């Protein structure tokens, strides 16, 4: 009998939401995504220790600081991941730059140059940016330069529409964090079919189809296998190792719940900045979760920088 993970692959491209090399080799995803939180977890994995030592030694020799070391380490880890997946690896621009278009563009260029130094072409990399107005505008510039982007922390229809308008390569609407908010707000539990996060991502897919946009939708931030299976048919799904293991241990077929047939229904007019901000601000869940997500990523970035600074100091 086919595992549900293999059956899911018939309908959606599976992406590993981890930096764990062992998990990536075990579940053979097409792509892999990382963020500061996942890099912080990977910092303690045995398989990365020699790579971390080598990277920090090079940074120390250059006189670089901990912020530079994070970029070097993210790319070094991303390079190891790229050697293990046939597709792309996503690498994130620091959350503290989420409201600075020009600084985000400059950081993306630095990351692409570092990947190029390691022999990984830009066609194997996705630059992750938060779905703020400034992040989306940065992505628009980068896409025109041939640098594809993954817009993350996406919680509202306004964010999705602005990303489509900008020609972003891929968006990562969050499932679990949306549902978390509604559970906390209402005290209710939701079955997969009425799950607010599932419904949100299905709506994003519908918007892509109706407008005939080229942006790829990748469901992210899953809490349960039920949420994952309810989004079968979404072009890409980025899934944690724990849920990949559960799906691999389940037998049975998977029924697609999303059709990506771009039959078209008319493309809406592009959102102006004021319309974007009004639409996003009007969604209490999206407003809360975007701000919280940026704070969390920045906290993990700062923790990672502090851990790196300690190891750099220990070398002296």
Protein backbone atom coordinates (compact mmCIF):
# COMPACT_ATOMS: atom_id res chain seq x y z
CA UNK A 1 0.00 0.00 0.00
CA UNK A 2 1.25 3.48 -0.89
CA UNK A 3 2.07 5.84 1.96
CA UNK A 4 0.06 9.01 2.15
CA UNK A 5 3.27 11.00 1.72
CA UNK A 6 3.92 9.32 -1.64
CA UNK A 7 0.25 9.69 -2.56
CA UNK A 8 0.38 13.40 -1.67
CA UNK A 9 3.32 13.82 -4.05
CA UNK A 10 0.98 12.90 -6.91
CA UNK A 11 -0.93 16.15 -6.33
CA UNK A 12 1.48 18.62 -4.67
CA UNK A 13 5.21 19.22 -4.73
CA UNK A 14 6.53 18.41 -1.25
CA UNK A 15 9.01 20.81 0.35
CA UNK A 16 10.86 20.18 3.62
CA UNK A 17 10.35 22.87 6.24
CA UNK A 18 13.65 22.21 7.98
CA UNK A 19 17.41 22.60 7.87
CA UNK A 20 17.96 19.08 9.22
CA UNK A 21 20.09 17.29 6.62
CA UNK A 22 19.16 13.84 7.89
CA UNK A 23 15.44 14.60 7.54
CA UNK A 24 15.98 16.02 4.06
CA UNK A 25 17.82 12.89 2.94
CA UNK A 26 15.18 10.64 4.51
CA UNK A 27 12.10 12.25 2.93
CA UNK A 28 13.57 13.35 -0.41
CA UNK A 29 11.72 16.68 -0.84
CA UNK A 30 11.92 18.66 -4.05
CA UNK A 31 12.84 21.91 -2.25
CA UNK A 32 13.68 23.01 1.28
CA UNK A 33 12.82 26.17 3.17
CA UNK A 34 14.69 27.79 6.05
CA UNK A 35 14.18 30.76 8.34
CA UNK A 36 16.01 32.17 11.40
CA UNK A 37 14.08 29.86 13.74
CA UNK A 38 15.06 26.76 11.76
CA UNK A 39 18.68 27.93 11.45
CA UNK A 40 18.80 28.38 15.22
CA UNK A 41 17.65 24.77 15.66
CA UNK A 42 20.16 23.57 13.06
CA UNK A 43 22.94 25.39 14.94
CA UNK A 44 22.95 22.56 17.50
CA UNK A 45 22.69 19.63 15.08
CA UNK A 46 25.79 17.38 15.06
CA UNK A 47 25.89 17.25 11.27
CA UNK A 48 26.53 20.99 11.04
CA UNK A 49 29.26 21.47 13.65
CA UNK A 50 32.27 21.16 11.34
CA UNK A 51 30.57 23.44 8.81
CA UNK A 52 29.85 26.00 11.53
CA UNK A 53 33.47 25.90 12.73
CA UNK A 54 34.81 26.35 9.20
CA UNK A 55 32.41 29.20 8.43
CA UNK A 56 33.11 31.06 11.66
CA UNK A 57 36.86 30.64 11.18
CA UNK A 58 36.54 32.30 7.76
CA UNK A 59 34.43 35.12 9.20
CA UNK A 60 36.94 35.69 12.00
CA UNK A 61 39.81 35.81 9.51
CA UNK A 62 37.94 38.48 7.54
CA UNK A 63 37.20 40.50 10.68
CA UNK A 64 33.46 40.06 10.13
CA UNK A 65 30.80 40.53 12.81
CA UNK A 66 28.03 38.23 13.99
CA UNK A 67 25.46 39.66 11.53
CA UNK A 68 27.79 38.88 8.63
CA UNK A 69 28.40 35.47 10.17
CA UNK A 70 24.65 34.70 10.13
CA UNK A 71 24.52 35.37 6.39
CA UNK A 72 27.61 33.28 5.76
CA UNK A 73 26.24 30.47 7.88
CA UNK A 74 22.78 30.60 6.30
CA UNK A 75 24.33 30.29 2.85
CA UNK A 76 26.76 27.56 3.94
CA UNK A 77 23.85 25.56 5.36
CA UNK A 78 21.75 26.37 2.30
CA UNK A 79 24.54 25.07 0.09
CA UNK A 80 24.57 21.76 1.96
CA UNK A 81 20.80 21.56 1.54
CA UNK A 82 21.06 22.40 -2.18
CA UNK A 83 23.36 19.43 -2.64
CA UNK A 84 20.60 17.21 -1.25
CA UNK A 85 17.50 18.50 -3.04
CA UNK A 86 16.94 18.67 -6.80
CA UNK A 87 15.10 21.99 -6.60
CA UNK A 88 15.55 25.19 -4.64
CA UNK A 89 16.48 26.31 -1.16
CA UNK A 90 14.90 29.39 0.42
CA UNK A 91 17.11 31.75 2.41
CA UNK A 92 15.66 34.62 4.42
CA UNK A 93 16.50 38.31 4.51
CA UNK A 94 16.79 39.44 8.15
CA UNK A 95 13.40 40.36 9.63
CA UNK A 96 14.77 43.69 10.88
CA UNK A 97 14.86 44.79 7.23
CA UNK A 98 11.17 44.04 6.64
CA UNK A 99 10.26 47.72 6.28
CA UNK A 100 13.31 48.81 4.28
CA UNK A 101 13.01 48.15 0.56
CA UNK A 102 16.52 49.20 -0.46
CA UNK A 103 18.26 47.41 2.41
CA UNK A 104 16.29 44.24 1.59
CA UNK A 105 17.40 44.42 -2.05
CA UNK A 106 21.03 44.95 -1.01
CA UNK A 107 20.87 42.00 1.42
CA UNK A 108 19.37 39.78 -1.28
CA UNK A 109 22.25 40.69 -3.61
CA UNK A 110 24.75 39.77 -0.88
CA UNK A 111 23.10 36.39 -0.34
CA UNK A 112 23.04 35.62 -4.06
CA UNK A 113 26.73 36.57 -4.33
CA UNK A 114 27.57 34.26 -1.43
CA UNK A 115 25.67 31.40 -3.05
CA UNK A 116 27.46 32.06 -6.32
CA UNK A 117 30.79 31.86 -4.45
CA UNK A 118 29.73 28.41 -3.23
CA UNK A 119 28.82 27.33 -6.75
CA UNK A 120 25.04 27.54 -6.31
CA UNK A 121 23.37 29.56 -9.07
CA UNK A 122 20.49 31.93 -8.49
CA UNK A 123 18.19 29.47 -10.28
CA UNK A 124 18.56 27.18 -7.21
CA UNK A 125 17.77 29.89 -4.62
CA UNK A 126 14.65 31.66 -3.43
CA UNK A 127 15.12 34.85 -1.43
CA UNK A 128 12.62 34.94 1.44
CA UNK A 129 11.11 38.27 2.36
CA UNK A 130 8.31 39.19 4.74
CA UNK A 131 5.08 40.15 2.94
CA UNK A 132 5.16 43.80 4.03
CA UNK A 133 4.55 46.50 1.45
CA UNK A 134 8.30 47.21 1.41
CA UNK A 135 9.19 43.53 1.17
CA UNK A 136 6.85 43.06 -1.78
CA UNK A 137 8.29 46.10 -3.55
CA UNK A 138 11.81 44.75 -2.98
CA UNK A 139 10.72 41.42 -4.45
CA UNK A 140 9.30 43.19 -7.50
CA UNK A 141 12.73 44.68 -8.22
CA UNK A 142 14.55 41.42 -7.57
CA UNK A 143 12.21 39.43 -9.82
CA UNK A 144 12.95 41.83 -12.69
CA UNK A 145 16.65 41.12 -12.08
CA UNK A 146 16.09 37.38 -12.37
CA UNK A 147 16.29 36.73 -8.61
CA UNK A 148 13.23 34.72 -7.61
CA UNK A 149 11.58 35.35 -4.26
CA UNK A 150 9.50 33.54 -1.65
CA UNK A 151 7.19 35.95 0.19
CA UNK A 152 6.56 34.63 3.68
CA UNK A 153 4.45 35.60 6.71
CA UNK A 154 1.45 35.95 4.41
CA UNK A 155 -1.89 36.15 6.24
CA UNK A 156 -4.21 38.47 4.29
CA UNK A 157 -5.88 38.72 0.92
CA UNK A 158 -4.26 42.15 0.49
CA UNK A 159 -0.79 40.66 0.94
CA UNK A 160 -1.56 37.90 -1.55
CA UNK A 161 -2.94 40.29 -4.15
CA UNK A 162 0.03 42.66 -3.86
CA UNK A 163 2.42 39.72 -4.33
CA UNK A 164 0.56 38.60 -7.45
CA UNK A 165 0.62 42.16 -8.81
CA UNK A 166 4.40 42.31 -8.24
CA UNK A 167 5.06 39.12 -10.18
CA UNK A 168 6.48 37.31 -7.15
CA UNK A 169 7.67 33.78 -7.97
CA UNK A 170 6.24 32.11 -4.85
CA UNK A 171 4.11 32.98 -1.83
CA UNK A 172 3.89 31.06 1.47
CA UNK A 173 0.46 31.61 3.03
CA UNK A 174 0.49 30.32 6.61
CA UNK A 175 -2.04 27.72 7.74
CA UNK A 176 -1.30 26.90 11.37
CA UNK A 177 -0.71 30.44 12.59
CA UNK A 178 -4.01 31.58 11.05
CA UNK A 179 -5.85 28.75 12.80
CA UNK A 180 -4.00 29.44 16.07
CA UNK A 181 -5.34 32.98 16.07
CA UNK A 182 -8.93 31.91 15.51
CA UNK A 183 -8.69 29.19 18.16
CA UNK A 184 -7.46 31.74 20.68
CA UNK A 185 -10.08 34.28 19.62
CA UNK A 186 -13.06 31.90 19.68
CA UNK A 187 -12.05 29.01 21.94
CA UNK A 188 -13.18 26.63 19.19
CA UNK A 189 -11.52 23.61 17.64
CA UNK A 190 -11.83 23.20 13.88
CA UNK A 191 -12.02 20.13 11.67
CA UNK A 192 -9.78 20.21 8.60
CA UNK A 193 -12.61 21.09 6.22
CA UNK A 194 -13.65 24.22 8.14
CA UNK A 195 -10.16 25.05 9.41
CA UNK A 196 -9.64 28.84 8.98
CA UNK A 197 -6.02 28.38 7.85
CA UNK A 198 -7.02 25.78 5.26
CA UNK A 199 -9.82 28.00 3.99
CA UNK A 200 -7.43 30.94 3.72
CA UNK A 201 -4.90 29.04 1.60
CA UNK A 202 -7.65 27.64 -0.62
CA UNK A 203 -8.78 31.21 -1.17
CA UNK A 204 -5.26 32.28 -2.15
CA UNK A 205 -5.14 29.45 -4.70
CA UNK A 206 -8.53 30.56 -6.06
CA UNK A 207 -7.28 34.14 -6.47
CA UNK A 208 -4.25 32.94 -8.43
CA UNK A 209 -6.45 30.90 -10.74
CA UNK A 210 -9.08 33.53 -11.33
CA UNK A 211 -6.53 36.21 -12.11
CA UNK A 212 -4.36 33.94 -14.25
CA UNK A 213 -1.29 34.92 -12.21
CA UNK A 214 1.97 32.99 -12.52
CA UNK A 215 2.81 33.08 -8.79
CA UNK A 216 3.25 29.66 -7.17
CA UNK A 217 1.29 29.07 -3.94
CA UNK A 218 3.01 27.04 -1.22
CA UNK A 219 1.00 26.24 1.90
CA UNK A 220 3.14 26.59 5.04
CA UNK A 221 3.05 26.42 8.85
CA UNK A 222 1.07 23.21 9.32
CA UNK A 223 0.01 21.92 12.72
CA UNK A 224 -1.59 18.59 11.70
CA UNK A 225 -1.57 16.06 8.88
CA UNK A 226 -5.27 16.81 8.48
CA UNK A 227 -4.42 20.37 7.45
CA UNK A 228 -1.81 19.09 5.00
CA UNK A 229 -4.14 16.57 3.36
CA UNK A 230 -6.95 19.14 3.17
CA UNK A 231 -4.66 21.21 0.92
CA UNK A 232 -3.68 18.39 -1.44
CA UNK A 233 -3.57 19.90 -4.90
CA UNK A 234 -1.95 23.15 -3.74
CA UNK A 235 1.12 23.47 -6.00
CA UNK A 236 3.61 23.20 -3.11
CA UNK A 237 3.38 22.30 0.55
CA UNK A 238 6.26 22.91 2.96
CA UNK A 239 6.04 20.36 5.76
CA UNK A 240 8.00 19.80 8.98
CA UNK A 241 9.92 16.54 9.53
CA UNK A 242 7.49 15.46 12.26
CA UNK A 243 4.50 15.69 9.92
CA UNK A 244 6.46 14.16 7.04
CA UNK A 245 7.15 11.19 9.29
CA UNK A 246 3.46 10.89 10.20
CA UNK A 247 2.39 11.02 6.56
CA UNK A 248 5.04 8.48 5.61
CA UNK A 249 3.66 6.10 8.22
CA UNK A 250 0.06 6.46 7.02
CA UNK A 251 -1.34 4.26 4.26
CA UNK A 252 -4.01 5.21 1.77
CA UNK A 253 -4.89 7.39 -1.16
CA UNK A 254 -4.99 11.18 -1.14
CA UNK A 255 -7.80 13.12 -2.78
CA UNK A 256 -6.93 16.56 -4.20
CA UNK A 257 -9.04 19.36 -2.76
CA UNK A 258 -7.65 22.19 -4.89
CA UNK A 259 -7.71 22.53 -8.64
CA UNK A 260 -5.06 24.82 -10.13
CA UNK A 261 -6.80 25.08 -13.49
CA UNK A 262 -6.25 28.71 -14.48
CA UNK A 263 -9.57 29.09 -16.29
CA UNK A 264 -9.55 32.78 -15.46
CA UNK A 265 -12.24 35.04 -14.14
CA UNK A 266 -10.74 38.44 -14.72
CA UNK A 267 -7.67 40.05 -13.21
CA UNK A 268 -8.36 42.75 -10.60
CA UNK A 269 -6.71 46.15 -10.79
CA UNK A 270 -3.33 46.28 -8.98
CA UNK A 271 -3.50 47.42 -5.37
CA UNK A 272 -2.12 50.85 -4.56
CA UNK A 273 -0.16 51.23 -1.33
CA UNK A 274 -3.05 52.89 0.53
CA UNK A 275 -5.43 50.11 -0.57
CA UNK A 276 -2.94 47.46 0.54
CA UNK A 277 -2.42 49.00 3.96
CA UNK A 278 -6.16 49.56 4.48
CA UNK A 279 -7.05 46.03 3.41
CA UNK A 280 -4.36 44.38 5.53
CA UNK A 281 -5.01 46.57 8.56
CA UNK A 282 -8.71 45.73 8.36
CA UNK A 283 -7.93 42.05 8.98
CA UNK A 284 -7.20 41.81 12.73
CA UNK A 285 -5.78 38.30 12.46
CA UNK A 286 -3.43 39.18 9.61
CA UNK A 287 -2.30 42.40 11.26
CA UNK A 288 -1.52 40.59 14.53
CA UNK A 289 0.20 37.58 12.98
CA UNK A 290 2.43 39.54 10.57
CA UNK A 291 3.71 41.76 13.38
CA UNK A 292 4.18 38.77 15.68
CA UNK A 293 5.95 36.77 12.97
CA UNK A 294 8.43 39.55 12.26
CA UNK A 295 9.15 39.93 15.98
CA UNK A 296 9.68 36.19 16.44
CA UNK A 297 12.02 35.88 13.47
CA UNK A 298 14.01 38.88 14.69
CA UNK A 299 14.24 37.44 18.21
CA UNK A 300 15.60 34.18 16.80
CA UNK A 301 17.99 36.12 14.56
CA UNK A 302 19.30 38.02 17.59
CA UNK A 303 19.66 34.77 19.56
CA UNK A 304 21.55 33.19 16.67
CA UNK A 305 23.82 36.24 16.39
CA UNK A 306 24.52 36.04 20.14
CA UNK A 307 25.34 32.32 19.91
CA UNK A 308 27.68 33.01 16.99
CA UNK A 309 29.33 35.91 18.83
CA UNK A 310 30.05 33.57 21.75
CA UNK A 311 31.69 31.02 19.48
CA UNK A 312 33.66 33.73 17.69
CA UNK A 313 34.89 35.10 21.05
CA UNK A 314 35.86 31.59 22.13
CA UNK A 315 38.20 31.36 19.16
CA UNK A 316 40.34 34.23 20.44
